Amino acid sequence: MADLQLESVLRCPVCGHAETLLMPTDACMFFHNCSECGHMMKPVAGDCCVFCSYGSVPCPPVQMGERGCCDR
């Protein structure tokens, strides 16, 4: 199994701004405010967190083959 990636680039669906964030390994991140336009990102239906919806890398539990970070 590959090493877990703990950094993900979130891209705002409104303004396109991208920022690199460290993903928590012990919590689900449901919301994130874009640092450029202030838009509050929320997971799209079927995703467990903002990283799975808008990130370049899914959350650590999904990387490990689990259904998502909220199912723990």
PDB file of N, CA and C in Angstrom:
ATOM      1  N   MET A   1       0.842  -1.179   0.000  1.00  0.00           N
ATOM      2  CA  MET A   1       0.000   0.000   0.000  1.00  0.00           C
ATOM      3  C   MET A   1       0.888   1.244   0.000  1.00  0.00           C
ATOM      4  N   ALA A   2       0.515   2.221  -0.767  1.00  0.00           N
ATOM      5  CA  ALA A   2       1.276   3.461  -0.858  1.00  0.00           C
ATOM      6  C   ALA A   2       1.148   4.255   0.436  1.00  0.00           C
ATOM      7  N   ASP A   3       2.102   5.143   0.650  1.00  0.00           N
ATOM      8  CA  ASP A   3       2.055   6.009   1.823  1.00  0.00           C
ATOM      9  C   ASP A   3       0.861   6.939   1.729  1.00  0.00           C
ATOM     10  N   LEU A   4       0.297   7.281   2.889  1.00  0.00           N
ATOM     11  CA  LEU A   4      -0.813   8.230   2.929  1.00  0.00           C
ATOM     12  C   LEU A   4      -0.314   9.610   2.562  1.00  0.00           C
ATOM     13  N   GLN A   5      -1.092  10.297   1.766  1.00  0.00           N
ATOM     14  CA  GLN A   5      -0.812  11.694   1.467  1.00  0.00           C
ATOM     15  C   GLN A   5      -1.677  12.524   2.399  1.00  0.00           C
ATOM     16  N   LEU A   6      -1.064  13.400   3.156  1.00  0.00           N
ATOM     17  CA  LEU A   6      -1.806  14.193   4.123  1.00  0.00           C
ATOM     18  C   LEU A   6      -2.048  15.622   3.667  1.00  0.00           C
ATOM     19  N   GLU A   7      -1.466  16.014   2.539  1.00  0.00           N
ATOM     20  CA  GLU A   7      -1.738  17.336   1.979  1.00  0.00           C
ATOM     21  C   GLU A   7      -2.630  17.184   0.755  1.00  0.00           C
ATOM     22  N   SER A   8      -3.579  18.092   0.644  1.00  0.00           N
ATOM     23  CA  SER A   8      -4.479  18.093  -0.503  1.00  0.00           C
ATOM     24  C   SER A   8      -4.678  19.540  -0.941  1.00  0.00           C
ATOM     25  N   VAL A   9      -4.798  19.753  -2.240  1.00  0.00           N
ATOM     26  CA  VAL A   9      -5.051  21.089  -2.759  1.00  0.00           C
ATOM     27  C   VAL A   9      -6.555  21.231  -2.959  1.00  0.00           C
ATOM     28  N   LEU A  10      -7.174  22.120  -2.172  1.00  0.00           N
ATOM     29  CA  LEU A  10      -8.601  22.392  -2.331  1.00  0.00           C
ATOM     30  C   LEU A  10      -8.771  23.497  -3.355  1.00  0.00           C
ATOM     31  N   ARG A  11      -9.682  23.275  -4.299  1.00  0.00           N
ATOM     32  CA  ARG A  11      -9.970  24.286  -5.312  1.00  0.00           C
ATOM     33  C   ARG A  11     -11.409  24.745  -5.122  1.00  0.00           C
ATOM     34  N   CYS A  12     -11.584  26.046  -4.930  1.00  0.00           N
ATOM     35  CA  CYS A  12     -12.907  26.618  -4.705  1.00  0.00           C
ATOM     36  C   CYS A  12     -13.759  26.474  -5.966  1.00  0.00           C
ATOM     37  N   PRO A  13     -14.978  25.949  -5.834  1.00  0.00           N
ATOM     38  CA  PRO A  13     -15.845  25.786  -7.006  1.00  0.00           C
ATOM     39  C   PRO A  13     -16.412  27.119  -7.512  1.00  0.00           C
ATOM     40  N   VAL A  14     -16.297  28.180  -6.726  1.00  0.00           N
ATOM     41  CA  VAL A  14     -16.832  29.482  -7.120  1.00  0.00           C
ATOM     42  C   VAL A  14     -15.788  30.318  -7.851  1.00  0.00           C
ATOM     43  N   CYS A  15     -14.619  30.514  -7.223  1.00  0.00           N
ATOM     44  CA  CYS A  15     -13.624  31.421  -7.819  1.00  0.00           C
ATOM     45  C   CYS A  15     -12.416  30.692  -8.404  1.00  0.00           C
ATOM     46  N   GLY A  16     -12.280  29.393  -8.112  1.00  0.00           N
ATOM     47  CA  GLY A  16     -11.162  28.617  -8.650  1.00  0.00           C
ATOM     48  C   GLY A  16      -9.879  28.719  -7.859  1.00  0.00           C
ATOM     49  N   HIS A  17      -9.881  29.497  -6.786  1.00  0.00           N
ATOM     50  CA  HIS A  17      -8.673  29.641  -5.959  1.00  0.00           C
ATOM     51  C   HIS A  17      -8.273  28.277  -5.402  1.00  0.00           C
ATOM     52  N   ALA A  18      -6.971  28.005  -5.391  1.00  0.00           N
ATOM     53  CA  ALA A  18      -6.458  26.742  -4.872  1.00  0.00           C
ATOM     54  C   ALA A  18      -5.575  27.011  -3.672  1.00  0.00           C
ATOM     55  N   GLU A  19      -5.731  26.194  -2.643  1.00  0.00           N
ATOM     56  CA  GLU A  19      -4.875  26.299  -1.466  1.00  0.00           C
ATOM     57  C   GLU A  19      -4.546  24.909  -0.951  1.00  0.00           C
ATOM     58  N   THR A  20      -3.321  24.745  -0.514  1.00  0.00           N
ATOM     59  CA  THR A  20      -2.855  23.464   0.002  1.00  0.00           C
ATOM     60  C   THR A  20      -3.133  23.403   1.495  1.00  0.00           C
ATOM     61  N   LEU A  21      -3.804  22.337   1.912  1.00  0.00           N
ATOM     62  CA  LEU A  21      -4.160  22.162   3.318  1.00  0.00           C
ATOM     63  C   LEU A  21      -3.710  20.799   3.809  1.00  0.00           C
ATOM     64  N   LEU A  22      -3.424  20.732   5.093  1.00  0.00           N
ATOM     65  CA  LEU A  22      -3.098  19.476   5.753  1.00  0.00           C
ATOM     66  C   LEU A  22      -4.409  18.835   6.199  1.00  0.00           C
ATOM     67  N   MET A  23      -4.638  17.589   5.806  1.00  0.00           N
ATOM     68  CA  MET A  23      -5.880  16.909   6.160  1.00  0.00           C
ATOM     69  C   MET A  23      -5.799  16.332   7.563  1.00  0.00           C
ATOM     70  N   PRO A  24      -6.862  16.486   8.348  1.00  0.00           N
ATOM     71  CA  PRO A  24      -6.868  15.861   9.673  1.00  0.00           C
ATOM     72  C   PRO A  24      -6.980  14.344   9.520  1.00  0.00           C
ATOM     73  N   THR A  25      -6.357  13.630  10.430  1.00  0.00           N
ATOM     74  CA  THR A  25      -6.447  12.165  10.393  1.00  0.00           C
ATOM     75  C   THR A  25      -7.426  11.656  11.444  1.00  0.00           C
ATOM     76  N   ASP A  26      -7.917  12.556  12.295  1.00  0.00           N
ATOM     77  CA  ASP A  26      -8.779  12.141  13.389  1.00  0.00           C
ATOM     78  C   ASP A  26     -10.146  12.826  13.375  1.00  0.00           C
ATOM     79  N   ALA A  27     -10.476  13.477  12.272  1.00  0.00           N
ATOM     80  CA  ALA A  27     -11.751  14.195  12.198  1.00  0.00           C
ATOM     81  C   ALA A  27     -12.168  14.346  10.743  1.00  0.00           C
ATOM     82  N   CYS A  28     -13.441  14.612  10.549  1.00  0.00           N
ATOM     83  CA  CYS A  28     -14.003  14.849   9.227  1.00  0.00           C
ATOM     84  C   CYS A  28     -14.122  16.364   9.038  1.00  0.00           C
ATOM     85  N   MET A  29     -13.677  16.871   7.909  1.00  0.00           N
ATOM     86  CA  MET A  29     -13.755  18.306   7.652  1.00  0.00           C
ATOM     87  C   MET A  29     -14.935  18.563   6.720  1.00  0.00           C
ATOM     88  N   PHE A  30     -16.054  18.970   7.317  1.00  0.00           N
ATOM     89  CA  PHE A  30     -17.283  19.172   6.552  1.00  0.00           C
ATOM     90  C   PHE A  30     -17.307  20.502   5.822  1.00  0.00           C
ATOM     91  N   PHE A  31     -16.673  21.529   6.389  1.00  0.00           N
ATOM     92  CA  PHE A  31     -16.745  22.880   5.832  1.00  0.00           C
ATOM     93  C   PHE A  31     -15.354  23.487   5.726  1.00  0.00           C
ATOM     94  N   HIS A  32     -15.202  24.344   4.721  1.00  0.00           N
ATOM     95  CA  HIS A  32     -13.977  25.139   4.593  1.00  0.00           C
ATOM     96  C   HIS A  32     -14.332  26.413   3.856  1.00  0.00           C
ATOM     97  N   ASN A  33     -13.923  27.546   4.417  1.00  0.00           N
ATOM     98  CA  ASN A  33     -14.150  28.829   3.752  1.00  0.00           C
ATOM     99  C   ASN A  33     -12.964  29.144   2.855  1.00  0.00           C
ATOM    100  N   CYS A  34     -13.256  29.446   1.601  1.00  0.00           N
ATOM    101  CA  CYS A  34     -12.215  29.821   0.649  1.00  0.00           C
ATOM    102  C   CYS A  34     -11.503  31.069   1.169  1.00  0.00           C
ATOM    103  N   SER A  35     -10.181  31.044   1.168  1.00  0.00           N
ATOM    104  CA  SER A  35      -9.423  32.186   1.670  1.00  0.00           C
ATOM    105  C   SER A  35      -9.414  33.347   0.680  1.00  0.00           C
ATOM    106  N   GLU A  36      -9.863  33.106  -0.535  1.00  0.00           N
ATOM    107  CA  GLU A  36      -9.906  34.164  -1.555  1.00  0.00           C
ATOM    108  C   GLU A  36     -11.265  34.868  -1.585  1.00  0.00           C
ATOM    109  N   CYS A  37     -12.350  34.110  -1.776  1.00  0.00           N
ATOM    110  CA  CYS A  37     -13.675  34.729  -1.951  1.00  0.00           C
ATOM    111  C   CYS A  37     -14.600  34.534  -0.755  1.00  0.00           C
ATOM    112  N   GLY A  38     -14.212  33.677   0.198  1.00  0.00           N
ATOM    113  CA  GLY A  38     -15.020  33.455   1.386  1.00  0.00           C
ATOM    114  C   GLY A  38     -16.122  32.421   1.238  1.00  0.00           C
ATOM    115  N   HIS A  39     -16.279  31.843   0.048  1.00  0.00           N
ATOM    116  CA  HIS A  39     -17.317  30.824  -0.168  1.00  0.00           C
ATOM    117  C   HIS A  39     -17.121  29.668   0.804  1.00  0.00           C
ATOM    118  N   MET A  40     -18.213  29.225   1.455  1.00  0.00           N
ATOM    119  CA  MET A  40     -18.133  28.082   2.353  1.00  0.00           C
ATOM    120  C   MET A  40     -18.369  26.801   1.556  1.00  0.00           C
ATOM    121  N   MET A  41     -17.308  26.029   1.404  1.00  0.00           N
ATOM    122  CA  MET A  41     -17.404  24.755   0.696  1.00  0.00           C
ATOM    123  C   MET A  41     -17.989  23.713   1.636  1.00  0.00           C
ATOM    124  N   LYS A  42     -18.869  22.894   1.088  1.00  0.00           N
ATOM    125  CA  LYS A  42     -19.480  21.769   1.798  1.00  0.00           C
ATOM    126  C   LYS A  42     -19.341  20.554   0.896  1.00  0.00           C
ATOM    127  N   PRO A  43     -19.309  19.350   1.457  1.00  0.00           N
ATOM    128  CA  PRO A  43     -19.204  18.159   0.606  1.00  0.00           C
ATOM    129  C   PRO A  43     -20.404  18.043  -0.329  1.00  0.00           C
ATOM    130  N   VAL A  44     -20.158  17.596  -1.547  1.00  0.00           N
ATOM    131  CA  VAL A  44     -21.264  17.330  -2.460  1.00  0.00           C
ATOM    132  C   VAL A  44     -21.912  16.013  -2.038  1.00  0.00           C
ATOM    133  N   ALA A  45     -23.138  15.812  -2.446  1.00  0.00           N
ATOM    134  CA  ALA A  45     -23.881  14.602  -2.081  1.00  0.00           C
ATOM    135  C   ALA A  45     -23.070  13.354  -2.427  1.00  0.00           C
ATOM    136  N   GLY A  46     -22.950  12.471  -1.462  1.00  0.00           N
ATOM    137  CA  GLY A  46     -22.227  11.226  -1.663  1.00  0.00           C
ATOM    138  C   GLY A  46     -20.782  11.262  -1.200  1.00  0.00           C
ATOM    139  N   ASP A  47     -20.245  12.456  -0.947  1.00  0.00           N
ATOM    140  CA  ASP A  47     -18.869  12.579  -0.452  1.00  0.00           C
ATOM    141  C   ASP A  47     -18.895  12.802   1.054  1.00  0.00           C
ATOM    142  N   CYS A  48     -17.834  12.370   1.723  1.00  0.00           N
ATOM    143  CA  CYS A  48     -17.800  12.468   3.188  1.00  0.00           C
ATOM    144  C   CYS A  48     -17.242  13.787   3.691  1.00  0.00           C
ATOM    145  N   CYS A  49     -16.443  14.485   2.866  1.00  0.00           N
ATOM    146  CA  CYS A  49     -15.800  15.703   3.356  1.00  0.00           C
ATOM    147  C   CYS A  49     -15.406  16.600   2.185  1.00  0.00           C
ATOM    148  N   VAL A  50     -14.932  17.806   2.506  1.00  0.00           N
ATOM    149  CA  VAL A  50     -14.552  18.749   1.448  1.00  0.00           C
ATOM    150  C   VAL A  50     -13.345  18.258   0.658  1.00  0.00           C
ATOM    151  N   PHE A  51     -12.473  17.459   1.269  1.00  0.00           N
ATOM    152  CA  PHE A  51     -11.317  16.949   0.538  1.00  0.00           C
ATOM    153  C   PHE A  51     -11.741  15.963  -0.544  1.00  0.00           C
ATOM    154  N   CYS A  52     -12.749  15.157  -0.253  1.00  0.00           N
ATOM    155  CA  CYS A  52     -13.237  14.199  -1.249  1.00  0.00           C
ATOM    156  C   CYS A  52     -14.010  14.903  -2.370  1.00  0.00           C
ATOM    157  N   SER A  53     -14.574  16.070  -2.086  1.00  0.00           N
ATOM    158  CA  SER A  53     -15.329  16.809  -3.096  1.00  0.00           C
ATOM    159  C   SER A  53     -14.462  17.765  -3.912  1.00  0.00           C
ATOM    160  N   TYR A  54     -13.543  18.463  -3.268  1.00  0.00           N
ATOM    161  CA  TYR A  54     -12.819  19.550  -3.927  1.00  0.00           C
ATOM    162  C   TYR A  54     -11.306  19.412  -3.885  1.00  0.00           C
ATOM    163  N   GLY A  55     -10.812  18.355  -3.262  1.00  0.00           N
ATOM    164  CA  GLY A  55      -9.371  18.210  -3.098  1.00  0.00           C
ATOM    165  C   GLY A  55      -8.698  17.417  -4.193  1.00  0.00           C
ATOM    166  N   SER A  56      -7.398  17.607  -4.283  1.00  0.00           N
ATOM    167  CA  SER A  56      -6.593  16.853  -5.250  1.00  0.00           C
ATOM    168  C   SER A  56      -6.327  15.431  -4.761  1.00  0.00           C
ATOM    169  N   VAL A  57      -6.513  15.223  -3.456  1.00  0.00           N
ATOM    170  CA  VAL A  57      -6.298  13.922  -2.828  1.00  0.00           C
ATOM    171  C   VAL A  57      -7.472  13.681  -1.884  1.00  0.00           C
ATOM    172  N   PRO A  58      -8.078  12.497  -1.898  1.00  0.00           N
ATOM    173  CA  PRO A  58      -9.169  12.222  -0.954  1.00  0.00           C
ATOM    174  C   PRO A  58      -8.655  12.105   0.474  1.00  0.00           C
ATOM    175  N   CYS A  59      -9.566  12.142   1.430  1.00  0.00           N
ATOM    176  CA  CYS A  59      -9.207  12.078   2.846  1.00  0.00           C
ATOM    177  C   CYS A  59      -8.485  10.761   3.164  1.00  0.00           C
ATOM    178  N   PRO A  60      -7.695  10.744   4.253  1.00  0.00           N
ATOM    179  CA  PRO A  60      -6.926   9.537   4.609  1.00  0.00           C
ATOM    180  C   PRO A  60      -7.748   8.253   4.714  1.00  0.00           C
ATOM    181  N   PRO A  61      -8.937   8.253   5.341  1.00  0.00           N
ATOM    182  CA  PRO A  61      -9.688   6.991   5.391  1.00  0.00           C
ATOM    183  C   PRO A  61     -10.049   6.450   3.998  1.00  0.00           C
ATOM    184  N   VAL A  62     -10.413   7.316   3.073  1.00  0.00           N
ATOM    185  CA  VAL A  62     -10.728   6.874   1.714  1.00  0.00           C
ATOM    186  C   VAL A  62      -9.464   6.345   1.044  1.00  0.00           C
ATOM    187  N   GLN A  63      -8.325   6.991   1.284  1.00  0.00           N
ATOM    188  CA  GLN A  63      -7.059   6.491   0.739  1.00  0.00           C
ATOM    189  C   GLN A  63      -6.748   5.085   1.251  1.00  0.00           C
ATOM    190  N   MET A  64      -7.187   4.787   2.484  1.00  0.00           N
ATOM    191  CA  MET A  64      -6.935   3.476   3.085  1.00  0.00           C
ATOM    192  C   MET A  64      -7.993   2.441   2.703  1.00  0.00           C
ATOM    193  N   GLY A  65      -8.951   2.836   1.859  1.00  0.00           N
ATOM    194  CA  GLY A  65      -9.948   1.885   1.393  1.00  0.00           C
ATOM    195  C   GLY A  65     -11.234   1.877   2.178  1.00  0.00           C
ATOM    196  N   GLU A  66     -11.363   2.780   3.143  1.00  0.00           N
ATOM    197  CA  GLU A  66     -12.607   2.866   3.897  1.00  0.00           C
ATOM    198  C   GLU A  66     -13.623   3.678   3.093  1.00  0.00           C
ATOM    199  N   ARG A  67     -14.870   3.628   3.523  1.00  0.00           N
ATOM    200  CA  ARG A  67     -15.924   4.347   2.808  1.00  0.00           C
ATOM    201  C   ARG A  67     -15.801   5.848   2.966  1.00  0.00           C
ATOM    202  N   GLY A  68     -15.241   6.304   4.042  1.00  0.00           N
ATOM    203  CA  GLY A  68     -15.077   7.733   4.266  1.00  0.00           C
ATOM    204  C   GLY A  68     -14.714   8.021   5.701  1.00  0.00           C
ATOM    205  N   CYS A  69     -14.388   9.282   5.957  1.00  0.00           N
ATOM    206  CA  CYS A  69     -13.943   9.668   7.290  1.00  0.00           C
ATOM    207  C   CYS A  69     -15.091   9.771   8.280  1.00  0.00           C
ATOM    208  N   CYS A  70     -16.310   9.845   7.802  1.00  0.00           N
ATOM    209  CA  CYS A  70     -17.466   9.990   8.705  1.00  0.00           C
ATOM    210  C   CYS A  70     -17.988   8.641   9.185  1.00  0.00           C
ATOM    211  N   ASP A  71     -17.495   7.563   8.626  1.00  0.00           N
ATOM    212  CA  ASP A  71     -17.989   6.228   8.963  1.00  0.00           C
ATOM    213  C   ASP A  71     -17.202   5.579  10.093  1.00  0.00           C
ATOM    214  N   ARG A  72     -16.340   6.329  10.728  1.00  0.00           N
ATOM    215  CA  ARG A  72     -15.485   5.761  11.785  1.00  0.00           C
ATOM    216  C   ARG A  72     -16.225   5.635  13.069  1.00  0.00           C
TER     217      ARG A  72
END
